[in-house]
Amino acid sequence: MAIALKLSDSLVEDAKPYAAAEHRSVPKQIEFWARIGKAVTDNPDMPVRLIQDIMLAREEAKAGLAAPYEFG
């Protein structure tokens, strides 16, 4: 469900370069930040980079880009 939100001009301006660098729209960049923030709040003992890597790995698996690990 999409809803309209009022965001500060400074947040929108802060998001613009990140959105461009990640090939996202500004709203999608802010949504990404919100998802990261929620994950960090839900998992306070995990480093942010690990949370980002887990989120990326899940999306790669959904896209069929993951391969099973084989023990050596």
C-alpha atoms as a PDB file:
ATOM      1  CA  MET A   1       0.000   0.000   0.000  1.00  0.00           C
ATOM      2  CA  ALA A   2       1.516   3.298  -1.047  1.00  0.00           C
ATOM      3  CA  ILE A   3       0.809   6.420   0.986  1.00  0.00           C
ATOM      4  CA  ALA A   4       1.945  10.003   0.634  1.00  0.00           C
ATOM      5  CA  LEU A   5       4.386  11.264   3.248  1.00  0.00           C
ATOM      6  CA  LYS A   6       5.814  14.673   3.994  1.00  0.00           C
ATOM      7  CA  LEU A   7       9.582  14.453   4.234  1.00  0.00           C
ATOM      8  CA  SER A   8      12.007  17.183   5.087  1.00  0.00           C
ATOM      9  CA  ASP A   9      13.763  18.872   2.202  1.00  0.00           C
ATOM     10  CA  SER A  10      17.110  18.023   3.789  1.00  0.00           C
ATOM     11  CA  LEU A  11      16.342  14.276   3.834  1.00  0.00           C
ATOM     12  CA  VAL A  12      15.307  14.360   0.186  1.00  0.00           C
ATOM     13  CA  GLU A  13      18.435  16.324  -0.760  1.00  0.00           C
ATOM     14  CA  ASP A  14      20.627  13.918   1.230  1.00  0.00           C
ATOM     15  CA  ALA A  15      19.071  10.960  -0.596  1.00  0.00           C
ATOM     16  CA  LYS A  16      19.637  12.303  -4.124  1.00  0.00           C
ATOM     17  CA  PRO A  17      23.344  11.466  -4.549  1.00  0.00           C
ATOM     18  CA  TYR A  18      22.913   8.056  -2.932  1.00  0.00           C
ATOM     19  CA  ALA A  19      19.932   7.313  -5.163  1.00  0.00           C
ATOM     20  CA  ALA A  20      21.890   8.287  -8.265  1.00  0.00           C
ATOM     21  CA  ALA A  21      24.894   6.193  -7.249  1.00  0.00           C
ATOM     22  CA  GLU A  22      22.720   3.129  -6.587  1.00  0.00           C
ATOM     23  CA  HIS A  23      20.473   3.658  -9.649  1.00  0.00           C
ATOM     24  CA  ARG A  24      17.386   4.113  -7.479  1.00  0.00           C
ATOM     25  CA  SER A  25      14.725   6.769  -7.385  1.00  0.00           C
ATOM     26  CA  VAL A  26      14.842   9.128  -4.408  1.00  0.00           C
ATOM     27  CA  PRO A  27      11.718   7.525  -2.846  1.00  0.00           C
ATOM     28  CA  LYS A  28      13.212   4.044  -3.289  1.00  0.00           C
ATOM     29  CA  GLN A  29      16.464   5.231  -1.676  1.00  0.00           C
ATOM     30  CA  ILE A  30      14.580   6.536   1.349  1.00  0.00           C
ATOM     31  CA  GLU A  31      12.606   3.268   1.483  1.00  0.00           C
ATOM     32  CA  PHE A  32      15.929   1.365   1.413  1.00  0.00           C
ATOM     33  CA  TRP A  33      17.244   3.466   4.298  1.00  0.00           C
ATOM     34  CA  ALA A  34      14.043   2.736   6.236  1.00  0.00           C
ATOM     35  CA  ARG A  35      14.429  -1.017   5.694  1.00  0.00           C
ATOM     36  CA  ILE A  36      18.065  -0.876   6.835  1.00  0.00           C
ATOM     37  CA  GLY A  37      17.061   1.170   9.880  1.00  0.00           C
ATOM     38  CA  LYS A  38      14.335  -1.308  10.817  1.00  0.00           C
ATOM     39  CA  ALA A  39      16.729  -4.245  10.445  1.00  0.00           C
ATOM     40  CA  VAL A  40      19.317  -2.482  12.616  1.00  0.00           C
ATOM     41  CA  THR A  41      16.696  -1.747  15.263  1.00  0.00           C
ATOM     42  CA  ASP A  42      15.523  -5.369  15.182  1.00  0.00           C
ATOM     43  CA  ASN A  43      19.128  -6.675  15.393  1.00  0.00           C
ATOM     44  CA  PRO A  44      21.107  -4.223  17.534  1.00  0.00           C
ATOM     45  CA  ASP A  45      24.069  -6.575  18.007  1.00  0.00           C
ATOM     46  CA  MET A  46      24.710  -7.075  14.291  1.00  0.00           C
ATOM     47  CA  PRO A  47      26.961  -4.730  12.310  1.00  0.00           C
ATOM     48  CA  VAL A  48      25.155  -2.669   9.662  1.00  0.00           C
ATOM     49  CA  ARG A  49      27.396  -4.044   6.891  1.00  0.00           C
ATOM     50  CA  LEU A  50      26.432  -7.619   7.831  1.00  0.00           C
ATOM     51  CA  ILE A  51      22.743  -6.697   7.720  1.00  0.00           C
ATOM     52  CA  GLN A  52      23.222  -5.123   4.271  1.00  0.00           C
ATOM     53  CA  ASP A  53      25.072  -8.207   3.045  1.00  0.00           C
ATOM     54  CA  ILE A  54      22.277 -10.492   4.300  1.00  0.00           C
ATOM     55  CA  MET A  55      19.657  -8.355   2.557  1.00  0.00           C
ATOM     56  CA  LEU A  56      21.677  -8.487  -0.669  1.00  0.00           C
ATOM     57  CA  ALA A  57      22.145 -12.261  -0.398  1.00  0.00           C
ATOM     58  CA  ARG A  58      18.390 -12.760   0.009  1.00  0.00           C
ATOM     59  CA  GLU A  59      17.684 -10.719  -3.123  1.00  0.00           C
ATOM     60  CA  GLU A  60      20.394 -12.611  -5.054  1.00  0.00           C
ATOM     61  CA  ALA A  61      18.806 -15.912  -3.994  1.00  0.00           C
ATOM     62  CA  LYS A  62      15.371 -14.707  -5.147  1.00  0.00           C
ATOM     63  CA  ALA A  63      16.903 -13.770  -8.505  1.00  0.00           C
ATOM     64  CA  GLY A  64      18.485 -17.218  -8.865  1.00  0.00           C
ATOM     65  CA  LEU A  65      22.035 -15.909  -8.523  1.00  0.00           C
ATOM     66  CA  ALA A  66      22.971 -17.968  -5.460  1.00  0.00           C
ATOM     67  CA  ALA A  67      24.881 -21.220  -5.627  1.00  0.00           C
ATOM     68  CA  PRO A  68      24.986 -23.791  -2.835  1.00  0.00           C
ATOM     69  CA  TYR A  69      28.190 -23.897  -0.865  1.00  0.00           C
ATOM     70  CA  GLU A  70      30.090 -27.148  -1.223  1.00  0.00           C
ATOM     71  CA  PHE A  71      32.437 -28.182   1.557  1.00  0.00           C
ATOM     72  CA  GLY A  72      35.861 -28.986   0.323  1.00  0.00           C
END
